[in-house]
Amino acid sequence: MSSSILYQILQDLLEKVEMIRNDADETLRKIIQIAETINEYYLILSIDGIDPNLASRILAEIGDIKRFETREA
Protein backbone atom coordinates (compact mmCIF):
# COMPACT_ATOMS: atom_id res chain seq x y z
CA MET A 1 0.00 0.00 0.00
CA SER A 2 1.17 3.47 -0.71
CA SER A 3 2.02 5.89 2.06
CA SER A 4 -0.82 8.25 1.12
CA ILE A 5 -3.37 5.45 1.57
CA LEU A 6 -1.85 4.50 4.93
CA TYR A 7 -1.98 8.11 6.09
CA GLN A 8 -5.63 8.31 5.09
CA ILE A 9 -6.37 5.09 6.99
CA LEU A 10 -4.60 6.48 10.05
CA GLN A 11 -6.53 9.73 9.83
CA ASP A 12 -9.86 7.86 9.50
CA LEU A 13 -9.04 5.70 12.50
CA LEU A 14 -8.04 8.72 14.60
CA GLU A 15 -11.34 10.39 13.71
CA LYS A 16 -13.18 7.27 14.90
CA VAL A 17 -11.24 7.30 18.16
CA GLU A 18 -12.19 10.95 18.68
CA MET A 19 -15.86 10.19 18.00
CA ILE A 20 -15.78 7.31 20.49
CA ARG A 21 -14.15 9.53 23.12
CA ASN A 22 -16.80 12.20 22.57
CA ASP A 23 -19.56 9.59 22.88
CA ALA A 24 -17.99 8.27 26.08
CA ASP A 25 -17.74 11.77 27.54
CA GLU A 26 -21.39 12.49 26.71
CA THR A 27 -22.47 9.16 28.20
CA LEU A 28 -20.57 9.89 31.41
CA ARG A 29 -22.23 13.32 31.64
CA LYS A 30 -25.63 11.65 31.34
CA ILE A 31 -24.74 9.02 33.96
CA ILE A 32 -23.66 11.71 36.42
CA GLN A 33 -26.76 13.78 35.64
CA ILE A 34 -28.98 10.80 36.51
CA ALA A 35 -26.90 9.96 39.62
CA GLU A 36 -27.35 13.54 40.84
CA THR A 37 -31.07 12.82 41.22
CA ILE A 38 -30.36 10.12 43.82
CA ASN A 39 -29.73 11.26 47.41
CA GLU A 40 -27.13 8.58 48.16
CA TYR A 41 -24.97 9.97 45.35
CA TYR A 42 -24.15 13.00 47.48
CA LEU A 43 -23.35 10.80 50.48
CA ILE A 44 -20.88 8.79 48.40
CA LEU A 45 -19.52 11.98 46.82
CA SER A 46 -18.78 13.40 50.30
CA ILE A 47 -16.08 10.77 50.84
CA ASP A 48 -12.60 12.23 50.30
CA GLY A 49 -11.05 11.20 47.00
CA ILE A 50 -14.32 10.25 45.30
CA ASP A 51 -15.19 12.35 42.27
CA PRO A 52 -18.54 12.45 40.42
CA ASN A 53 -17.40 9.74 38.00
CA LEU A 54 -16.49 7.28 40.75
CA ALA A 55 -19.50 8.19 42.90
CA SER A 56 -21.88 7.38 40.04
CA ARG A 57 -20.07 4.10 39.35
CA ILE A 58 -20.25 3.08 43.02
CA LEU A 59 -23.93 3.99 43.12
CA ALA A 60 -24.58 1.89 40.01
CA GLU A 61 -22.81 -1.10 41.56
CA ILE A 62 -24.55 -0.80 44.94
CA GLY A 63 -27.98 -0.18 43.50
CA ASP A 64 -30.69 0.71 45.98
CA ILE A 65 -28.88 1.02 49.29
CA LYS A 66 -32.15 0.41 51.14
CA ARG A 67 -31.97 -3.24 50.13
CA PHE A 68 -29.33 -3.69 52.85
CA GLU A 69 -31.01 -4.14 56.22
CA THR A 70 -27.84 -3.47 58.21
CA ARG A 71 -24.30 -2.46 57.50
CA GLU A 72 -23.33 -6.14 57.91
CA ALA A 73 -25.64 -7.25 55.06
PDB file of N, CA and C in Angstrom:
ATOM      1  N   MET A   1       0.836  -1.191   0.000  1.00  0.00           N
ATOM      2  CA  MET A   1       0.000   0.000   0.000  1.00  0.00           C
ATOM      3  C   MET A   1       0.873   1.244   0.000  1.00  0.00           C
ATOM      4  N   SER A   2       0.392   2.234  -0.656  1.00  0.00           N
ATOM      5  CA  SER A   2       1.165   3.473  -0.708  1.00  0.00           C
ATOM      6  C   SER A   2       1.024   4.238   0.604  1.00  0.00           C
ATOM      7  N   SER A   3       2.004   5.087   0.834  1.00  0.00           N
ATOM      8  CA  SER A   3       2.017   5.889   2.058  1.00  0.00           C
ATOM      9  C   SER A   3       0.788   6.780   2.174  1.00  0.00           C
ATOM     10  N   SER A   4       0.331   7.344   1.059  1.00  0.00           N
ATOM     11  CA  SER A   4      -0.820   8.253   1.120  1.00  0.00           C
ATOM     12  C   SER A   4      -2.080   7.505   1.567  1.00  0.00           C
ATOM     13  N   ILE A   5      -2.214   6.256   1.133  1.00  0.00           N
ATOM     14  CA  ILE A   5      -3.373   5.454   1.573  1.00  0.00           C
ATOM     15  C   ILE A   5      -3.258   5.137   3.059  1.00  0.00           C
ATOM     16  N   LEU A   6      -2.057   4.793   3.510  1.00  0.00           N
ATOM     17  CA  LEU A   6      -1.854   4.495   4.932  1.00  0.00           C
ATOM     18  C   LEU A   6      -2.131   5.719   5.799  1.00  0.00           C
ATOM     19  N   TYR A   7      -1.699   6.889   5.341  1.00  0.00           N
ATOM     20  CA  TYR A   7      -1.976   8.111   6.091  1.00  0.00           C
ATOM     21  C   TYR A   7      -3.479   8.371   6.173  1.00  0.00           C
ATOM     22  N   GLN A   8      -4.180   8.111   5.095  1.00  0.00           N
ATOM     23  CA  GLN A   8      -5.634   8.305   5.086  1.00  0.00           C
ATOM     24  C   GLN A   8      -6.311   7.326   6.048  1.00  0.00           C
ATOM     25  N   ILE A   9      -5.836   6.085   6.060  1.00  0.00           N
ATOM     26  CA  ILE A   9      -6.374   5.088   6.991  1.00  0.00           C
ATOM     27  C   ILE A   9      -6.128   5.535   8.433  1.00  0.00           C
ATOM     28  N   LEU A  10      -4.931   5.985   8.708  1.00  0.00           N
ATOM     29  CA  LEU A  10      -4.605   6.481  10.053  1.00  0.00           C
ATOM     30  C   LEU A  10      -5.508   7.641  10.449  1.00  0.00           C
ATOM     31  N   GLN A  11      -5.694   8.573   9.535  1.00  0.00           N
ATOM     32  CA  GLN A  11      -6.535   9.729   9.827  1.00  0.00           C
ATOM     33  C   GLN A  11      -7.978   9.298  10.097  1.00  0.00           C
ATOM     34  N   ASP A  12      -8.494   8.372   9.304  1.00  0.00           N
ATOM     35  CA  ASP A  12      -9.856   7.862   9.504  1.00  0.00           C
ATOM     36  C   ASP A  12      -9.994   7.189  10.863  1.00  0.00           C
ATOM     37  N   LEU A  13      -9.005   6.391  11.212  1.00  0.00           N
ATOM     38  CA  LEU A  13      -9.045   5.703  12.505  1.00  0.00           C
ATOM     39  C   LEU A  13      -8.967   6.682  13.672  1.00  0.00           C
ATOM     40  N   LEU A  14      -8.136   7.702  13.546  1.00  0.00           N
ATOM     41  CA  LEU A  14      -8.038   8.720  14.597  1.00  0.00           C
ATOM     42  C   LEU A  14      -9.356   9.477  14.753  1.00  0.00           C
ATOM     43  N   GLU A  15     -10.028   9.729  13.653  1.00  0.00           N
ATOM     44  CA  GLU A  15     -11.339  10.391  13.715  1.00  0.00           C
ATOM     45  C   GLU A  15     -12.346   9.507  14.442  1.00  0.00           C
ATOM     46  N   LYS A  16     -12.286   8.204  14.201  1.00  0.00           N
ATOM     47  CA  LYS A  16     -13.177   7.266  14.898  1.00  0.00           C
ATOM     48  C   LYS A  16     -12.899   7.253  16.397  1.00  0.00           C
ATOM     49  N   VAL A  17     -11.617   7.261  16.738  1.00  0.00           N
ATOM     50  CA  VAL A  17     -11.240   7.296  18.159  1.00  0.00           C
ATOM     51  C   VAL A  17     -11.797   8.555  18.809  1.00  0.00           C
ATOM     52  N   GLU A  18     -11.687   9.681  18.151  1.00  0.00           N
ATOM     53  CA  GLU A  18     -12.186  10.952  18.678  1.00  0.00           C
ATOM     54  C   GLU A  18     -13.702  10.907  18.862  1.00  0.00           C
ATOM     55  N   MET A  19     -14.404  10.311  17.889  1.00  0.00           N
ATOM     56  CA  MET A  19     -15.862  10.189  18.002  1.00  0.00           C
ATOM     57  C   MET A  19     -16.241   9.296  19.187  1.00  0.00           C
ATOM     58  N   ILE A  20     -15.510   8.214  19.376  1.00  0.00           N
ATOM     59  CA  ILE A  20     -15.780   7.308  20.494  1.00  0.00           C
ATOM     60  C   ILE A  20     -15.520   8.014  21.814  1.00  0.00           C
ATOM     61  N   ARG A  21     -14.444   8.773  21.897  1.00  0.00           N
ATOM     62  CA  ARG A  21     -14.148   9.533  23.121  1.00  0.00           C
ATOM     63  C   ARG A  21     -15.255  10.547  23.413  1.00  0.00           C
ATOM     64  N   ASN A  22     -15.717  11.230  22.384  1.00  0.00           N
ATOM     65  CA  ASN A  22     -16.800  12.199  22.569  1.00  0.00           C
ATOM     66  C   ASN A  22     -18.077  11.512  23.041  1.00  0.00           C
ATOM     67  N   ASP A  23     -18.383  10.360  22.456  1.00  0.00           N
ATOM     68  CA  ASP A  23     -19.557   9.591  22.885  1.00  0.00           C
ATOM     69  C   ASP A  23     -19.419   9.154  24.340  1.00  0.00           C
ATOM     70  N   ALA A  24     -18.227   8.701  24.710  1.00  0.00           N
ATOM     71  CA  ALA A  24     -17.986   8.266  26.081  1.00  0.00           C
ATOM     72  C   ALA A  24     -18.138   9.433  27.052  1.00  0.00           C
ATOM     73  N   ASP A  25     -17.619  10.587  26.691  1.00  0.00           N
ATOM     74  CA  ASP A  25     -17.743  11.774  27.541  1.00  0.00           C
ATOM     75  C   ASP A  25     -19.208  12.167  27.724  1.00  0.00           C
ATOM     76  N   GLU A  26     -19.962  12.139  26.643  1.00  0.00           N
ATOM     77  CA  GLU A  26     -21.387  12.490  26.714  1.00  0.00           C
ATOM     78  C   GLU A  26     -22.150  11.469  27.553  1.00  0.00           C
ATOM     79  N   THR A  27     -21.824  10.201  27.404  1.00  0.00           N
ATOM     80  CA  THR A  27     -22.475   9.157  28.201  1.00  0.00           C
ATOM     81  C   THR A  27     -22.171   9.347  29.678  1.00  0.00           C
ATOM     82  N   LEU A  28     -20.932   9.650  30.013  1.00  0.00           N
ATOM     83  CA  LEU A  28     -20.567   9.888  31.406  1.00  0.00           C
ATOM     84  C   LEU A  28     -21.319  11.088  31.965  1.00  0.00           C
ATOM     85  N   ARG A  29     -21.466  12.154  31.184  1.00  0.00           N
ATOM     86  CA  ARG A  29     -22.227  13.320  31.640  1.00  0.00           C
ATOM     87  C   ARG A  29     -23.670  12.933  31.948  1.00  0.00           C
ATOM     88  N   LYS A  30     -24.253  12.093  31.115  1.00  0.00           N
ATOM     89  CA  LYS A  30     -25.627  11.650  31.340  1.00  0.00           C
ATOM     90  C   LYS A  30     -25.727  10.771  32.586  1.00  0.00           C
ATOM     91  N   ILE A  31     -24.753   9.893  32.780  1.00  0.00           N
ATOM     92  CA  ILE A  31     -24.737   9.023  33.957  1.00  0.00           C
ATOM     93  C   ILE A  31     -24.679   9.867  35.220  1.00  0.00           C
ATOM     94  N   ILE A  32     -23.794  10.845  35.243  1.00  0.00           N
ATOM     95  CA  ILE A  32     -23.655  11.713  36.419  1.00  0.00           C
ATOM     96  C   ILE A  32     -24.925  12.522  36.623  1.00  0.00           C
ATOM     97  N   GLN A  33     -25.515  13.006  35.544  1.00  0.00           N
ATOM     98  CA  GLN A  33     -26.758  13.778  35.643  1.00  0.00           C
ATOM     99  C   GLN A  33     -27.867  12.938  36.284  1.00  0.00           C
ATOM    100  N   ILE A  34     -27.975  11.686  35.908  1.00  0.00           N
ATOM    101  CA  ILE A  34     -28.976  10.803  36.508  1.00  0.00           C
ATOM    102  C   ILE A  34     -28.618  10.522  37.965  1.00  0.00           C
ATOM    103  N   ALA A  35     -27.335  10.247  38.245  1.00  0.00           N
ATOM    104  CA  ALA A  35     -26.899   9.963  39.621  1.00  0.00           C
ATOM    105  C   ALA A  35     -27.193  11.137  40.540  1.00  0.00           C
ATOM    106  N   GLU A  36     -27.100  12.344  40.028  1.00  0.00           N
ATOM    107  CA  GLU A  36     -27.351  13.537  40.843  1.00  0.00           C
ATOM    108  C   GLU A  36     -28.797  13.616  41.339  1.00  0.00           C
ATOM    109  N   THR A  37     -29.677  12.820  40.777  1.00  0.00           N
ATOM    110  CA  THR A  37     -31.069  12.823  41.221  1.00  0.00           C
ATOM    111  C   THR A  37     -31.303  11.841  42.378  1.00  0.00           C
ATOM    112  N   ILE A  38     -30.255  11.126  42.765  1.00  0.00           N
ATOM    113  CA  ILE A  38     -30.360  10.118  43.823  1.00  0.00           C
ATOM    114  C   ILE A  38     -29.612  10.636  45.051  1.00  0.00           C
ATOM    115  N   ASN A  39     -30.301  10.676  46.198  1.00  0.00           N
ATOM    116  CA  ASN A  39     -29.730  11.265  47.412  1.00  0.00           C
ATOM    117  C   ASN A  39     -28.418  10.604  47.835  1.00  0.00           C
ATOM    118  N   GLU A  40     -28.332   9.287  47.714  1.00  0.00           N
ATOM    119  CA  GLU A  40     -27.128   8.583  48.155  1.00  0.00           C
ATOM    120  C   GLU A  40     -25.892   8.987  47.356  1.00  0.00           C
ATOM    121  N   TYR A  41     -26.085   9.504  46.179  1.00  0.00           N
ATOM    122  CA  TYR A  41     -24.970   9.974  45.352  1.00  0.00           C
ATOM    123  C   TYR A  41     -24.152  11.008  46.118  1.00  0.00           C
ATOM    124  N   TYR A  42     -24.843  11.931  46.761  1.00  0.00           N
ATOM    125  CA  TYR A  42     -24.147  13.004  47.482  1.00  0.00           C
ATOM    126  C   TYR A  42     -23.451  12.477  48.735  1.00  0.00           C
ATOM    127  N   LEU A  43     -24.011  11.435  49.336  1.00  0.00           N
ATOM    128  CA  LEU A  43     -23.352  10.804  50.481  1.00  0.00           C
ATOM    129  C   LEU A  43     -22.037  10.166  50.022  1.00  0.00           C
ATOM    130  N   ILE A  44     -22.090   9.427  48.942  1.00  0.00           N
ATOM    131  CA  ILE A  44     -20.883   8.795  48.398  1.00  0.00           C
ATOM    132  C   ILE A  44     -19.887   9.863  47.950  1.00  0.00           C
ATOM    133  N   LEU A  45     -20.376  10.910  47.321  1.00  0.00           N
ATOM    134  CA  LEU A  45     -19.520  11.984  46.821  1.00  0.00           C
ATOM    135  C   LEU A  45     -18.816  12.724  47.962  1.00  0.00           C
ATOM    136  N   SER A  46     -19.386  12.685  49.161  1.00  0.00           N
ATOM    137  CA  SER A  46     -18.782  13.396  50.297  1.00  0.00           C
ATOM    138  C   SER A  46     -17.530  12.702  50.841  1.00  0.00           C
ATOM    139  N   ILE A  47     -17.270  11.490  50.393  1.00  0.00           N
ATOM    140  CA  ILE A  47     -16.076  10.768  50.836  1.00  0.00           C
ATOM    141  C   ILE A  47     -14.860  11.342  50.104  1.00  0.00           C
ATOM    142  N   ASP A  48     -13.824  11.664  50.885  1.00  0.00           N
ATOM    143  CA  ASP A  48     -12.603  12.229  50.301  1.00  0.00           C
ATOM    144  C   ASP A  48     -12.048  11.318  49.207  1.00  0.00           C
ATOM    145  N   GLY A  49     -11.677  11.930  48.095  1.00  0.00           N
ATOM    146  CA  GLY A  49     -11.055  11.197  47.002  1.00  0.00           C
ATOM    147  C   GLY A  49     -12.030  10.632  45.983  1.00  0.00           C
ATOM    148  N   ILE A  50     -13.323  10.774  46.242  1.00  0.00           N
ATOM    149  CA  ILE A  50     -14.317  10.254  45.299  1.00  0.00           C
ATOM    150  C   ILE A  50     -14.877  11.405  44.480  1.00  0.00           C
ATOM    151  N   ASP A  51     -14.690  11.317  43.172  1.00  0.00           N
ATOM    152  CA  ASP A  51     -15.191  12.352  42.268  1.00  0.00           C
ATOM    153  C   ASP A  51     -16.552  11.918  41.706  1.00  0.00           C
ATOM    154  N   PRO A  52     -17.215  12.793  40.963  1.00  0.00           N
ATOM    155  CA  PRO A  52     -18.535  12.445  40.423  1.00  0.00           C
ATOM    156  C   PRO A  52     -18.549  11.167  39.578  1.00  0.00           C
ATOM    157  N   ASN A  53     -17.497  10.942  38.816  1.00  0.00           N
ATOM    158  CA  ASN A  53     -17.402   9.739  38.000  1.00  0.00           C
ATOM    159  C   ASN A  53     -17.434   8.492  38.885  1.00  0.00           C
ATOM    160  N   LEU A  54     -16.566   8.446  39.876  1.00  0.00           N
ATOM    161  CA  LEU A  54     -16.486   7.282  40.753  1.00  0.00           C
ATOM    162  C   LEU A  54     -17.743   7.139  41.604  1.00  0.00           C
ATOM    163  N   ALA A  55     -18.284   8.245  42.086  1.00  0.00           N
ATOM    164  CA  ALA A  55     -19.502   8.188  42.897  1.00  0.00           C
ATOM    165  C   ALA A  55     -20.649   7.577  42.110  1.00  0.00           C
ATOM    166  N   SER A  56     -20.790   7.945  40.858  1.00  0.00           N
ATOM    167  CA  SER A  56     -21.877   7.383  40.042  1.00  0.00           C
ATOM    168  C   SER A  56     -21.639   5.911  39.746  1.00  0.00           C
ATOM    169  N   ARG A  57     -20.391   5.514  39.584  1.00  0.00           N
ATOM    170  CA  ARG A  57     -20.073   4.098  39.355  1.00  0.00           C
ATOM    171  C   ARG A  57     -20.366   3.266  40.602  1.00  0.00           C
ATOM    172  N   ILE A  58     -19.978   3.786  41.765  1.00  0.00           N
ATOM    173  CA  ILE A  58     -20.252   3.078  43.017  1.00  0.00           C
ATOM    174  C   ILE A  58     -21.752   2.930  43.201  1.00  0.00           C
ATOM    175  N   LEU A  59     -22.476   4.005  42.983  1.00  0.00           N
ATOM    176  CA  LEU A  59     -23.930   3.987  43.117  1.00  0.00           C
ATOM    177  C   LEU A  59     -24.556   2.951  42.182  1.00  0.00           C
ATOM    178  N   ALA A  60     -24.057   2.862  40.973  1.00  0.00           N
ATOM    179  CA  ALA A  60     -24.579   1.890  40.012  1.00  0.00           C
ATOM    180  C   ALA A  60     -24.304   0.462  40.479  1.00  0.00           C
ATOM    181  N   GLU A  61     -23.147   0.233  41.070  1.00  0.00           N
ATOM    182  CA  GLU A  61     -22.808  -1.104  41.557  1.00  0.00           C
ATOM    183  C   GLU A  61     -23.624  -1.487  42.791  1.00  0.00           C
ATOM    184  N   ILE A  62     -23.811  -0.529  43.694  1.00  0.00           N
ATOM    185  CA  ILE A  62     -24.553  -0.805  44.936  1.00  0.00           C
ATOM    186  C   ILE A  62     -26.029  -0.982  44.642  1.00  0.00           C
ATOM    187  N   GLY A  63     -26.540  -0.173  43.755  1.00  0.00           N
ATOM    188  CA  GLY A  63     -27.982  -0.181  43.504  1.00  0.00           C
ATOM    189  C   GLY A  63     -28.700   0.524  44.643  1.00  0.00           C
ATOM    190  N   ASP A  64     -29.902   0.091  44.916  1.00  0.00           N
ATOM    191  CA  ASP A  64     -30.694   0.708  45.980  1.00  0.00           C
ATOM    192  C   ASP A  64     -30.115   0.315  47.333  1.00  0.00           C
ATOM    193  N   ILE A  65     -29.544   1.279  48.018  1.00  0.00           N
ATOM    194  CA  ILE A  65     -28.879   1.021  49.294  1.00  0.00           C
ATOM    195  C   ILE A  65     -29.871   0.535  50.365  1.00  0.00           C
ATOM    196  N   LYS A  66     -31.134   0.822  50.170  1.00  0.00           N
ATOM    197  CA  LYS A  66     -32.146   0.410  51.137  1.00  0.00           C
ATOM    198  C   LYS A  66     -32.359  -1.095  51.146  1.00  0.00           C
ATOM    199  N   ARG A  67     -31.822  -1.786  50.165  1.00  0.00           N
ATOM    200  CA  ARG A  67     -31.970  -3.240  50.135  1.00  0.00           C
ATOM    201  C   ARG A  67     -31.099  -3.915  51.180  1.00  0.00           C
ATOM    202  N   PHE A  68     -30.165  -3.174  51.768  1.00  0.00           N
ATOM    203  CA  PHE A  68     -29.327  -3.695  52.846  1.00  0.00           C
ATOM    204  C   PHE A  68     -29.982  -3.356  54.179  1.00  0.00           C
ATOM    205  N   GLU A  69     -30.340  -4.380  54.943  1.00  0.00           N
ATOM    206  CA  GLU A  69     -31.011  -4.145  56.221  1.00  0.00           C
ATOM    207  C   GLU A  69     -30.073  -3.529  57.249  1.00  0.00           C
ATOM    208  N   THR A  70     -28.829  -3.992  57.268  1.00  0.00           N
ATOM    209  CA  THR A  70     -27.843  -3.471  58.213  1.00  0.00           C
ATOM    210  C   THR A  70     -26.529  -3.269  57.482  1.00  0.00           C
ATOM    211  N   ARG A  71     -25.589  -2.664  58.153  1.00  0.00           N
ATOM    212  CA  ARG A  71     -24.300  -2.462  57.496  1.00  0.00           C
ATOM    213  C   ARG A  71     -23.548  -3.781  57.325  1.00  0.00           C
ATOM    214  N   GLU A  72     -23.953  -4.837  58.042  1.00  0.00           N
ATOM    215  CA  GLU A  72     -23.325  -6.142  57.913  1.00  0.00           C
ATOM    216  C   GLU A  72     -23.866  -6.917  56.710  1.00  0.00           C
ATOM    217  N   ALA A  73     -24.967  -6.472  56.128  1.00  0.00           N
ATOM    218  CA  ALA A  73     -25.639  -7.247  55.064  1.00  0.00           C
ATOM    219  C   ALA A  73     -24.831  -7.388  53.821  1.00  0.00           C
TER     220      ALA A  73
END
